[in-house]
């Protein structure tokens, strides 16, 4: 069963445990770990993680991925500050 995003519902439901899930490729796992490191304020993208990202993605893709993650984080914080509710795209 799919989702509106073109990602299987099974994969979406496995996101909380992506690191251990067989549903995600190594390339997807490193992108998700990179997103977590950028998103979590008490964490940083260390040299080891960035080197793993570089093994899977070229510089242009890393720049685009970083911008998308940063934009989503900024949007989320903006919406929270202005009490803008979820649009309901993700339901648990």
PDB file of N, CA and C in Angstrom:
ATOM      1  N   UNK A   1       0.844  -1.183   0.000  1.00  0.00           N
ATOM      2  CA  UNK A   1       0.000   0.000   0.000  1.00  0.00           C
ATOM      3  C   UNK A   1       0.887   1.244   0.000  1.00  0.00           C
ATOM      4  N   UNK A   2       0.591   2.183  -0.855  1.00  0.00           N
ATOM      5  CA  UNK A   2       1.414   3.364  -0.963  1.00  0.00           C
ATOM      6  C   UNK A   2       0.846   4.542  -0.204  1.00  0.00           C
ATOM      7  N   UNK A   3       1.555   5.629  -0.274  1.00  0.00           N
ATOM      8  CA  UNK A   3       1.095   6.870   0.351  1.00  0.00           C
ATOM      9  C   UNK A   3       0.986   7.921  -0.739  1.00  0.00           C
ATOM     10  N   UNK A   4       0.515   9.087  -0.382  1.00  0.00           N
ATOM     11  CA  UNK A   4       0.411  10.178  -1.344  1.00  0.00           C
ATOM     12  C   UNK A   4       1.788  10.684  -1.770  1.00  0.00           C
ATOM     13  N   UNK A   5       2.824  10.345  -1.033  1.00  0.00           N
ATOM     14  CA  UNK A   5       4.166  10.834  -1.329  1.00  0.00           C
ATOM     15  C   UNK A   5       4.951   9.918  -2.253  1.00  0.00           C
ATOM     16  N   UNK A   6       4.386   8.779  -2.614  1.00  0.00           N
ATOM     17  CA  UNK A   6       5.111   7.825  -3.425  1.00  0.00           C
ATOM     18  C   UNK A   6       6.044   6.964  -2.590  1.00  0.00           C
ATOM     19  N   UNK A   7       5.905   7.015  -1.285  1.00  0.00           N
ATOM     20  CA  UNK A   7       6.679   6.197  -0.360  1.00  0.00           C
ATOM     21  C   UNK A   7       5.698   5.224   0.276  1.00  0.00           C
ATOM     22  N   UNK A   8       6.101   3.989   0.423  1.00  0.00           N
ATOM     23  CA  UNK A   8       5.174   3.013   0.988  1.00  0.00           C
ATOM     24  C   UNK A   8       4.799   3.386   2.420  1.00  0.00           C
ATOM     25  N   UNK A   9       3.563   3.075   2.763  1.00  0.00           N
ATOM     26  CA  UNK A   9       3.083   3.299   4.124  1.00  0.00           C
ATOM     27  C   UNK A   9       3.960   2.540   5.112  1.00  0.00           C
ATOM     28  N   UNK A  10       4.384   1.349   4.722  1.00  0.00           N
ATOM     29  CA  UNK A  10       5.245   0.531   5.579  1.00  0.00           C
ATOM     30  C   UNK A  10       6.554   1.264   5.903  1.00  0.00           C
ATOM     31  N   UNK A  11       7.124   1.914   4.914  1.00  0.00           N
ATOM     32  CA  UNK A  11       8.368   2.677   5.128  1.00  0.00           C
ATOM     33  C   UNK A  11       8.122   3.877   6.036  1.00  0.00           C
ATOM     34  N   UNK A  12       7.034   4.596   5.794  1.00  0.00           N
ATOM     35  CA  UNK A  12       6.713   5.745   6.643  1.00  0.00           C
ATOM     36  C   UNK A  12       6.553   5.320   8.094  1.00  0.00           C
ATOM     37  N   UNK A  13       5.888   4.207   8.301  1.00  0.00           N
ATOM     38  CA  UNK A  13       5.671   3.718   9.663  1.00  0.00           C
ATOM     39  C   UNK A  13       6.963   3.226  10.307  1.00  0.00           C
ATOM     40  N   UNK A  14       7.965   2.880   9.509  1.00  0.00           N
ATOM     41  CA  UNK A  14       9.246   2.381  10.027  1.00  0.00           C
ATOM     42  C   UNK A  14      10.267   3.496  10.254  1.00  0.00           C
ATOM     43  N   UNK A  15       9.907   4.753   9.960  1.00  0.00           N
ATOM     44  CA  UNK A  15      10.871   5.850  10.067  1.00  0.00           C
ATOM     45  C   UNK A  15      11.489   5.998  11.456  1.00  0.00           C
ATOM     46  N   UNK A  16      10.719   5.787  12.496  1.00  0.00           N
ATOM     47  CA  UNK A  16      11.262   5.952  13.850  1.00  0.00           C
ATOM     48  C   UNK A  16      12.403   4.989  14.148  1.00  0.00           C
ATOM     49  N   UNK A  17      12.475   3.901  13.414  1.00  0.00           N
ATOM     50  CA  UNK A  17      13.526   2.909  13.643  1.00  0.00           C
ATOM     51  C   UNK A  17      14.279   2.626  12.338  1.00  0.00           C
ATOM     52  N   UNK A  18      14.474   3.673  11.522  1.00  0.00           N
ATOM     53  CA  UNK A  18      15.081   3.505  10.203  1.00  0.00           C
ATOM     54  C   UNK A  18      16.457   2.843  10.259  1.00  0.00           C
ATOM     55  N   UNK A  19      17.232   3.124  11.296  1.00  0.00           N
ATOM     56  CA  UNK A  19      18.599   2.602  11.374  1.00  0.00           C
ATOM     57  C   UNK A  19      18.638   1.075  11.414  1.00  0.00           C
ATOM     58  N   UNK A  20      17.613   0.467  11.973  1.00  0.00           N
ATOM     59  CA  UNK A  20      17.567  -0.994  12.091  1.00  0.00           C
ATOM     60  C   UNK A  20      16.636  -1.643  11.076  1.00  0.00           C
ATOM     61  N   UNK A  21      15.913  -0.840  10.327  1.00  0.00           N
ATOM     62  CA  UNK A  21      14.911  -1.374   9.411  1.00  0.00           C
ATOM     63  C   UNK A  21      15.540  -1.862   8.108  1.00  0.00           C
ATOM     64  N   UNK A  22      15.156  -3.065   7.668  1.00  0.00           N
ATOM     65  CA  UNK A  22      15.638  -3.572   6.378  1.00  0.00           C
ATOM     66  C   UNK A  22      14.948  -2.888   5.190  1.00  0.00           C
ATOM     67  N   UNK A  23      13.966  -2.045   5.461  1.00  0.00           N
ATOM     68  CA  UNK A  23      13.228  -1.371   4.390  1.00  0.00           C
ATOM     69  C   UNK A  23      14.015  -0.235   3.748  1.00  0.00           C
ATOM     70  N   UNK A  24      15.035   0.257   4.464  1.00  0.00           N
ATOM     71  CA  UNK A  24      15.806   1.401   3.984  1.00  0.00           C
ATOM     72  C   UNK A  24      17.181   0.957   3.506  1.00  0.00           C
ATOM     73  N   UNK A  25      17.612   1.513   2.381  1.00  0.00           N
ATOM     74  CA  UNK A  25      18.957   1.244   1.864  1.00  0.00           C
ATOM     75  C   UNK A  25      19.983   1.992   2.719  1.00  0.00           C
ATOM     76  N   UNK A  26      21.247   1.640   2.556  1.00  0.00           N
ATOM     77  CA  UNK A  26      22.308   2.362   3.274  1.00  0.00           C
ATOM     78  C   UNK A  26      22.318   3.838   2.890  1.00  0.00           C
ATOM     79  N   UNK A  27      22.032   4.136   1.630  1.00  0.00           N
ATOM     80  CA  UNK A  27      21.989   5.521   1.160  1.00  0.00           C
ATOM     81  C   UNK A  27      20.869   6.295   1.850  1.00  0.00           C
ATOM     82  N   UNK A  28      19.707   5.672   1.968  1.00  0.00           N
ATOM     83  CA  UNK A  28      18.592   6.325   2.658  1.00  0.00           C
ATOM     84  C   UNK A  28      18.888   6.496   4.140  1.00  0.00           C
ATOM     85  N   UNK A  29      19.491   5.480   4.742  1.00  0.00           N
ATOM     86  CA  UNK A  29      19.801   5.545   6.179  1.00  0.00           C
ATOM     87  C   UNK A  29      20.767   6.675   6.496  1.00  0.00           C
ATOM     88  N   UNK A  30      21.790   6.858   5.663  1.00  0.00           N
ATOM     89  CA  UNK A  30      22.750   7.935   5.941  1.00  0.00           C
ATOM     90  C   UNK A  30      22.088   9.294   5.746  1.00  0.00           C
ATOM     91  N   UNK A  31      21.186   9.427   4.780  1.00  0.00           N
ATOM     92  CA  UNK A  31      20.470  10.697   4.592  1.00  0.00           C
ATOM     93  C   UNK A  31      19.578  10.993   5.794  1.00  0.00           C
ATOM     94  N   UNK A  32      18.919   9.974   6.325  1.00  0.00           N
ATOM     95  CA  UNK A  32      18.060  10.160   7.491  1.00  0.00           C
ATOM     96  C   UNK A  32      18.876  10.482   8.741  1.00  0.00           C
ATOM     97  N   UNK A  33      20.019   9.829   8.885  1.00  0.00           N
ATOM     98  CA  UNK A  33      20.889  10.138  10.023  1.00  0.00           C
ATOM     99  C   UNK A  33      21.422  11.569   9.914  1.00  0.00           C
ATOM    100  N   UNK A  34      21.763  11.979   8.708  1.00  0.00           N
ATOM    101  CA  UNK A  34      22.219  13.350   8.450  1.00  0.00           C
ATOM    102  C   UNK A  34      21.113  14.348   8.818  1.00  0.00           C
ATOM    103  N   UNK A  35      19.885  14.056   8.402  1.00  0.00           N
ATOM    104  CA  UNK A  35      18.751  14.917   8.742  1.00  0.00           C
ATOM    105  C   UNK A  35      18.556  14.994  10.257  1.00  0.00           C
ATOM    106  N   UNK A  36      18.675  13.851  10.935  1.00  0.00           N
ATOM    107  CA  UNK A  36      18.559  13.849  12.403  1.00  0.00           C
ATOM    108  C   UNK A  36      19.632  14.732  13.032  1.00  0.00           C
ATOM    109  N   UNK A  37      20.870  14.608  12.548  1.00  0.00           N
ATOM    110  CA  UNK A  37      21.982  15.371  13.131  1.00  0.00           C
ATOM    111  C   UNK A  37      21.786  16.874  12.918  1.00  0.00           C
ATOM    112  N   UNK A  38      21.253  17.250  11.773  1.00  0.00           N
ATOM    113  CA  UNK A  38      20.999  18.665  11.514  1.00  0.00           C
ATOM    114  C   UNK A  38      19.834  19.168  12.363  1.00  0.00           C
ATOM    115  N   UNK A  39      18.839  18.334  12.537  1.00  0.00           N
ATOM    116  CA  UNK A  39      17.603  18.727  13.207  1.00  0.00           C
ATOM    117  C   UNK A  39      17.728  18.791  14.723  1.00  0.00           C
ATOM    118  N   UNK A  40      18.432  17.834  15.307  1.00  0.00           N
ATOM    119  CA  UNK A  40      18.546  17.781  16.769  1.00  0.00           C
ATOM    120  C   UNK A  40      19.506  18.864  17.246  1.00  0.00           C
ATOM    121  N   UNK A  41      19.010  19.790  18.057  1.00  0.00           N
ATOM    122  CA  UNK A  41      19.812  20.948  18.450  1.00  0.00           C
ATOM    123  C   UNK A  41      20.995  20.590  19.347  1.00  0.00           C
ATOM    124  N   UNK A  42      20.945  19.492  20.055  1.00  0.00           N
ATOM    125  CA  UNK A  42      22.050  19.099  20.938  1.00  0.00           C
ATOM    126  C   UNK A  42      23.098  18.260  20.209  1.00  0.00           C
ATOM    127  N   UNK A  43      22.955  18.113  18.905  1.00  0.00           N
ATOM    128  CA  UNK A  43      23.828  17.255  18.118  1.00  0.00           C
ATOM    129  C   UNK A  43      24.461  18.054  16.987  1.00  0.00           C
ATOM    130  N   UNK A  44      25.513  17.515  16.414  1.00  0.00           N
ATOM    131  CA  UNK A  44      26.166  18.163  15.287  1.00  0.00           C
ATOM    132  C   UNK A  44      26.465  17.116  14.222  1.00  0.00           C
ATOM    133  N   UNK A  45      26.712  17.560  13.029  1.00  0.00           N
ATOM    134  CA  UNK A  45      27.164  16.668  11.963  1.00  0.00           C
ATOM    135  C   UNK A  45      28.665  16.545  12.128  1.00  0.00           C
ATOM    136  N   UNK A  46      29.101  15.433  12.677  1.00  0.00           N
ATOM    137  CA  UNK A  46      30.540  15.266  12.896  1.00  0.00           C
ATOM    138  C   UNK A  46      31.236  14.830  11.598  1.00  0.00           C
ATOM    139  N   UNK A  47      32.557  14.835  11.632  1.00  0.00           N
ATOM    140  CA  UNK A  47      33.345  14.511  10.435  1.00  0.00           C
ATOM    141  C   UNK A  47      33.055  13.106   9.910  1.00  0.00           C
ATOM    142  N   UNK A  48      32.855  12.163  10.806  1.00  0.00           N
ATOM    143  CA  UNK A  48      32.606  10.776  10.406  1.00  0.00           C
ATOM    144  C   UNK A  48      31.286  10.662   9.649  1.00  0.00           C
ATOM    145  N   UNK A  49      30.240  11.295  10.160  1.00  0.00           N
ATOM    146  CA  UNK A  49      28.948  11.259   9.481  1.00  0.00           C
ATOM    147  C   UNK A  49      29.042  11.973   8.137  1.00  0.00           C
ATOM    148  N   UNK A  50      29.673  13.128   8.098  1.00  0.00           N
ATOM    149  CA  UNK A  50      29.781  13.860   6.837  1.00  0.00           C
ATOM    150  C   UNK A  50      30.553  13.051   5.799  1.00  0.00           C
ATOM    151  N   UNK A  51      31.586  12.335   6.224  1.00  0.00           N
ATOM    152  CA  UNK A  51      32.349  11.484   5.301  1.00  0.00           C
ATOM    153  C   UNK A  51      31.451  10.373   4.740  1.00  0.00           C
ATOM    154  N   UNK A  52      30.581   9.802   5.580  1.00  0.00           N
ATOM    155  CA  UNK A  52      29.651   8.775   5.089  1.00  0.00           C
ATOM    156  C   UNK A  52      28.644   9.364   4.118  1.00  0.00           C
ATOM    157  N   UNK A  53      28.176  10.579   4.394  1.00  0.00           N
ATOM    158  CA  UNK A  53      27.268  11.252   3.465  1.00  0.00           C
ATOM    159  C   UNK A  53      27.964  11.438   2.113  1.00  0.00           C
ATOM    160  N   UNK A  54      29.230  11.863   2.134  1.00  0.00           N
ATOM    161  CA  UNK A  54      29.991  12.083   0.902  1.00  0.00           C
ATOM    162  C   UNK A  54      30.229  10.800   0.114  1.00  0.00           C
ATOM    163  N   UNK A  55      30.233   9.652   0.772  1.00  0.00           N
ATOM    164  CA  UNK A  55      30.387   8.382   0.060  1.00  0.00           C
ATOM    165  C   UNK A  55      29.137   8.039  -0.746  1.00  0.00           C
ATOM    166  N   UNK A  56      27.994   8.584  -0.359  1.00  0.00           N
ATOM    167  CA  UNK A  56      26.737   8.259  -1.031  1.00  0.00           C
ATOM    168  C   UNK A  56      26.235   9.358  -1.959  1.00  0.00           C
ATOM    169  N   UNK A  57      26.646  10.603  -1.733  1.00  0.00           N
ATOM    170  CA  UNK A  57      26.104  11.735  -2.479  1.00  0.00           C
ATOM    171  C   UNK A  57      27.211  12.659  -2.967  1.00  0.00           C
ATOM    172  N   UNK A  58      26.989  13.282  -4.132  1.00  0.00           N
ATOM    173  CA  UNK A  58      27.954  14.274  -4.622  1.00  0.00           C
ATOM    174  C   UNK A  58      27.685  15.620  -3.944  1.00  0.00           C
ATOM    175  N   UNK A  59      28.586  16.574  -4.167  1.00  0.00           N
ATOM    176  CA  UNK A  59      28.505  17.871  -3.481  1.00  0.00           C
ATOM    177  C   UNK A  59      27.196  18.608  -3.753  1.00  0.00           C
ATOM    178  N   UNK A  60      26.740  18.597  -5.004  1.00  0.00           N
ATOM    179  CA  UNK A  60      25.486  19.291  -5.333  1.00  0.00           C
ATOM    180  C   UNK A  60      24.304  18.668  -4.601  1.00  0.00           C
ATOM    181  N   UNK A  61      24.276  17.354  -4.531  1.00  0.00           N
ATOM    182  CA  UNK A  61      23.180  16.661  -3.850  1.00  0.00           C
ATOM    183  C   UNK A  61      23.226  16.923  -2.351  1.00  0.00           C
ATOM    184  N   UNK A  62      24.418  16.952  -1.775  1.00  0.00           N
ATOM    185  CA  UNK A  62      24.551  17.254  -0.341  1.00  0.00           C
ATOM    186  C   UNK A  62      24.055  18.671  -0.056  1.00  0.00           C
ATOM    187  N   UNK A  63      24.411  19.610  -0.920  1.00  0.00           N
ATOM    188  CA  UNK A  63      23.944  20.996  -0.733  1.00  0.00           C
ATOM    189  C   UNK A  63      22.426  21.060  -0.808  1.00  0.00           C
ATOM    190  N   UNK A  64      21.842  20.376  -1.776  1.00  0.00           N
ATOM    191  CA  UNK A  64      20.382  20.381  -1.919  1.00  0.00           C
ATOM    192  C   UNK A  64      19.709  19.687  -0.734  1.00  0.00           C
ATOM    193  N   UNK A  65      20.239  18.550  -0.331  1.00  0.00           N
ATOM    194  CA  UNK A  65      19.700  17.821   0.815  1.00  0.00           C
ATOM    195  C   UNK A  65      19.763  18.676   2.080  1.00  0.00           C
ATOM    196  N   UNK A  66      20.889  19.332   2.295  1.00  0.00           N
ATOM    197  CA  UNK A  66      21.070  20.194   3.462  1.00  0.00           C
ATOM    198  C   UNK A  66      20.072  21.349   3.445  1.00  0.00           C
ATOM    199  N   UNK A  67      19.878  21.952   2.278  1.00  0.00           N
ATOM    200  CA  UNK A  67      18.935  23.066   2.169  1.00  0.00           C
ATOM    201  C   UNK A  67      17.510  22.600   2.448  1.00  0.00           C
ATOM    202  N   UNK A  68      17.123  21.459   1.936  1.00  0.00           N
ATOM    203  CA  UNK A  68      15.763  20.938   2.164  1.00  0.00           C
ATOM    204  C   UNK A  68      15.551  20.664   3.650  1.00  0.00           C
ATOM    205  N   UNK A  69      16.531  20.042   4.292  1.00  0.00           N
ATOM    206  CA  UNK A  69      16.429  19.748   5.728  1.00  0.00           C
ATOM    207  C   UNK A  69      16.331  21.049   6.520  1.00  0.00           C
ATOM    208  N   UNK A  70      17.198  22.013   6.213  1.00  0.00           N
ATOM    209  CA  UNK A  70      17.186  23.300   6.922  1.00  0.00           C
ATOM    210  C   UNK A  70      15.860  24.024   6.693  1.00  0.00           C
ATOM    211  N   UNK A  71      15.347  24.001   5.476  1.00  0.00           N
ATOM    212  CA  UNK A  71      14.074  24.662   5.166  1.00  0.00           C
ATOM    213  C   UNK A  71      12.933  24.025   5.954  1.00  0.00           C
ATOM    214  N   UNK A  72      12.883  22.701   5.997  1.00  0.00           N
ATOM    215  CA  UNK A  72      11.818  22.015   6.732  1.00  0.00           C
ATOM    216  C   UNK A  72      11.909  22.322   8.227  1.00  0.00           C
ATOM    217  N   UNK A  73      13.121  22.383   8.753  1.00  0.00           N
ATOM    218  CA  UNK A  73      13.294  22.730  10.164  1.00  0.00           C
ATOM    219  C   UNK A  73      12.821  24.164  10.428  1.00  0.00           C
ATOM    220  N   UNK A  74      13.196  25.090   9.561  1.00  0.00           N
ATOM    221  CA  UNK A  74      12.772  26.484   9.734  1.00  0.00           C
ATOM    222  C   UNK A  74      11.252  26.602   9.618  1.00  0.00           C
ATOM    223  N   UNK A  75      10.669  25.925   8.657  1.00  0.00           N
ATOM    224  CA  UNK A  75       9.214  25.957   8.485  1.00  0.00           C
ATOM    225  C   UNK A  75       8.506  25.410   9.713  1.00  0.00           C
ATOM    226  N   UNK A  76       9.021  24.333  10.239  1.00  0.00           N
ATOM    227  CA  UNK A  76       8.420  23.715  11.420  1.00  0.00           C
ATOM    228  C   UNK A  76       8.469  24.666  12.614  1.00  0.00           C
ATOM    229  N   UNK A  77       9.600  25.291  12.829  1.00  0.00           N
ATOM    230  CA  UNK A  77       9.743  26.219  13.957  1.00  0.00           C
ATOM    231  C   UNK A  77       8.881  27.468  13.765  1.00  0.00           C
ATOM    232  N   UNK A  78       8.812  27.969  12.551  1.00  0.00           N
ATOM    233  CA  UNK A  78       7.972  29.113  12.234  1.00  0.00           C
ATOM    234  C   UNK A  78       6.504  28.785  12.522  1.00  0.00           C
ATOM    235  N   UNK A  79       6.058  27.644  12.008  1.00  0.00           N
ATOM    236  CA  UNK A  79       4.661  27.237  12.206  1.00  0.00           C
ATOM    237  C   UNK A  79       4.337  27.041  13.678  1.00  0.00           C
ATOM    238  N   UNK A  80       5.254  26.449  14.412  1.00  0.00           N
ATOM    239  CA  UNK A  80       5.038  26.235  15.847  1.00  0.00           C
ATOM    240  C   UNK A  80       4.931  27.571  16.575  1.00  0.00           C
ATOM    241  N   UNK A  81       5.805  28.502  16.253  1.00  0.00           N
ATOM    242  CA  UNK A  81       5.800  29.810  16.922  1.00  0.00           C
ATOM    243  C   UNK A  81       4.498  30.566  16.667  1.00  0.00           C
ATOM    244  N   UNK A  82       3.956  30.442  15.454  1.00  0.00           N
ATOM    245  CA  UNK A  82       2.728  31.146  15.105  1.00  0.00           C
ATOM    246  C   UNK A  82       1.475  30.298  15.293  1.00  0.00           C
ATOM    247  N   UNK A  83       1.640  29.152  15.951  1.00  0.00           N
ATOM    248  CA  UNK A  83       0.510  28.269  16.269  1.00  0.00           C
ATOM    249  C   UNK A  83      -0.250  27.812  15.026  1.00  0.00           C
ATOM    250  N   UNK A  84       0.488  27.586  13.949  1.00  0.00           N
ATOM    251  CA  UNK A  84      -0.115  27.092  12.717  1.00  0.00           C
ATOM    252  C   UNK A  84      -0.218  25.564  12.843  1.00  0.00           C
ATOM    253  N   UNK A  85      -1.418  25.041  12.779  1.00  0.00           N
ATOM    254  CA  UNK A  85      -1.591  23.601  13.004  1.00  0.00           C
ATOM    255  C   UNK A  85      -1.071  22.751  11.839  1.00  0.00           C
ATOM    256  N   UNK A  86      -0.886  21.498  12.127  1.00  0.00           N
ATOM    257  CA  UNK A  86      -0.489  20.537  11.108  1.00  0.00           C
ATOM    258  C   UNK A  86      -1.537  20.501  10.003  1.00  0.00           C
ATOM    259  N   UNK A  87      -1.084  20.273   8.798  1.00  0.00           N
ATOM    260  CA  UNK A  87      -1.995  20.169   7.670  1.00  0.00           C
ATOM    261  C   UNK A  87      -2.522  18.745   7.490  1.00  0.00           C
ATOM    262  N   UNK A  88      -2.095  17.822   8.372  1.00  0.00           N
ATOM    263  CA  UNK A  88      -2.626  16.466   8.363  1.00  0.00           C
ATOM    264  C   UNK A  88      -2.060  15.554   7.291  1.00  0.00           C
ATOM    265  N   UNK A  89      -0.884  15.871   6.766  1.00  0.00           N
ATOM    266  CA  UNK A  89      -0.290  15.013   5.755  1.00  0.00           C
ATOM    267  C   UNK A  89       0.243  13.707   6.339  1.00  0.00           C
ATOM    268  N   UNK A  90       0.582  13.716   7.594  1.00  0.00           N
ATOM    269  CA  UNK A  90       1.103  12.518   8.262  1.00  0.00           C
ATOM    270  C   UNK A  90       0.215  12.189   9.430  1.00  0.00           C
ATOM    271  N   UNK A  91      -0.334  10.998   9.399  1.00  0.00           N
ATOM    272  CA  UNK A  91      -1.187  10.548  10.499  1.00  0.00           C
ATOM    273  C   UNK A  91      -0.581   9.291  11.073  1.00  0.00           C
ATOM    274  N   UNK A  92      -0.439   9.255  12.390  1.00  0.00           N
ATOM    275  CA  UNK A  92       0.124   8.066  13.049  1.00  0.00           C
ATOM    276  C   UNK A  92      -0.922   7.019  13.214  1.00  0.00           C
TER     277      UNK A  92
END
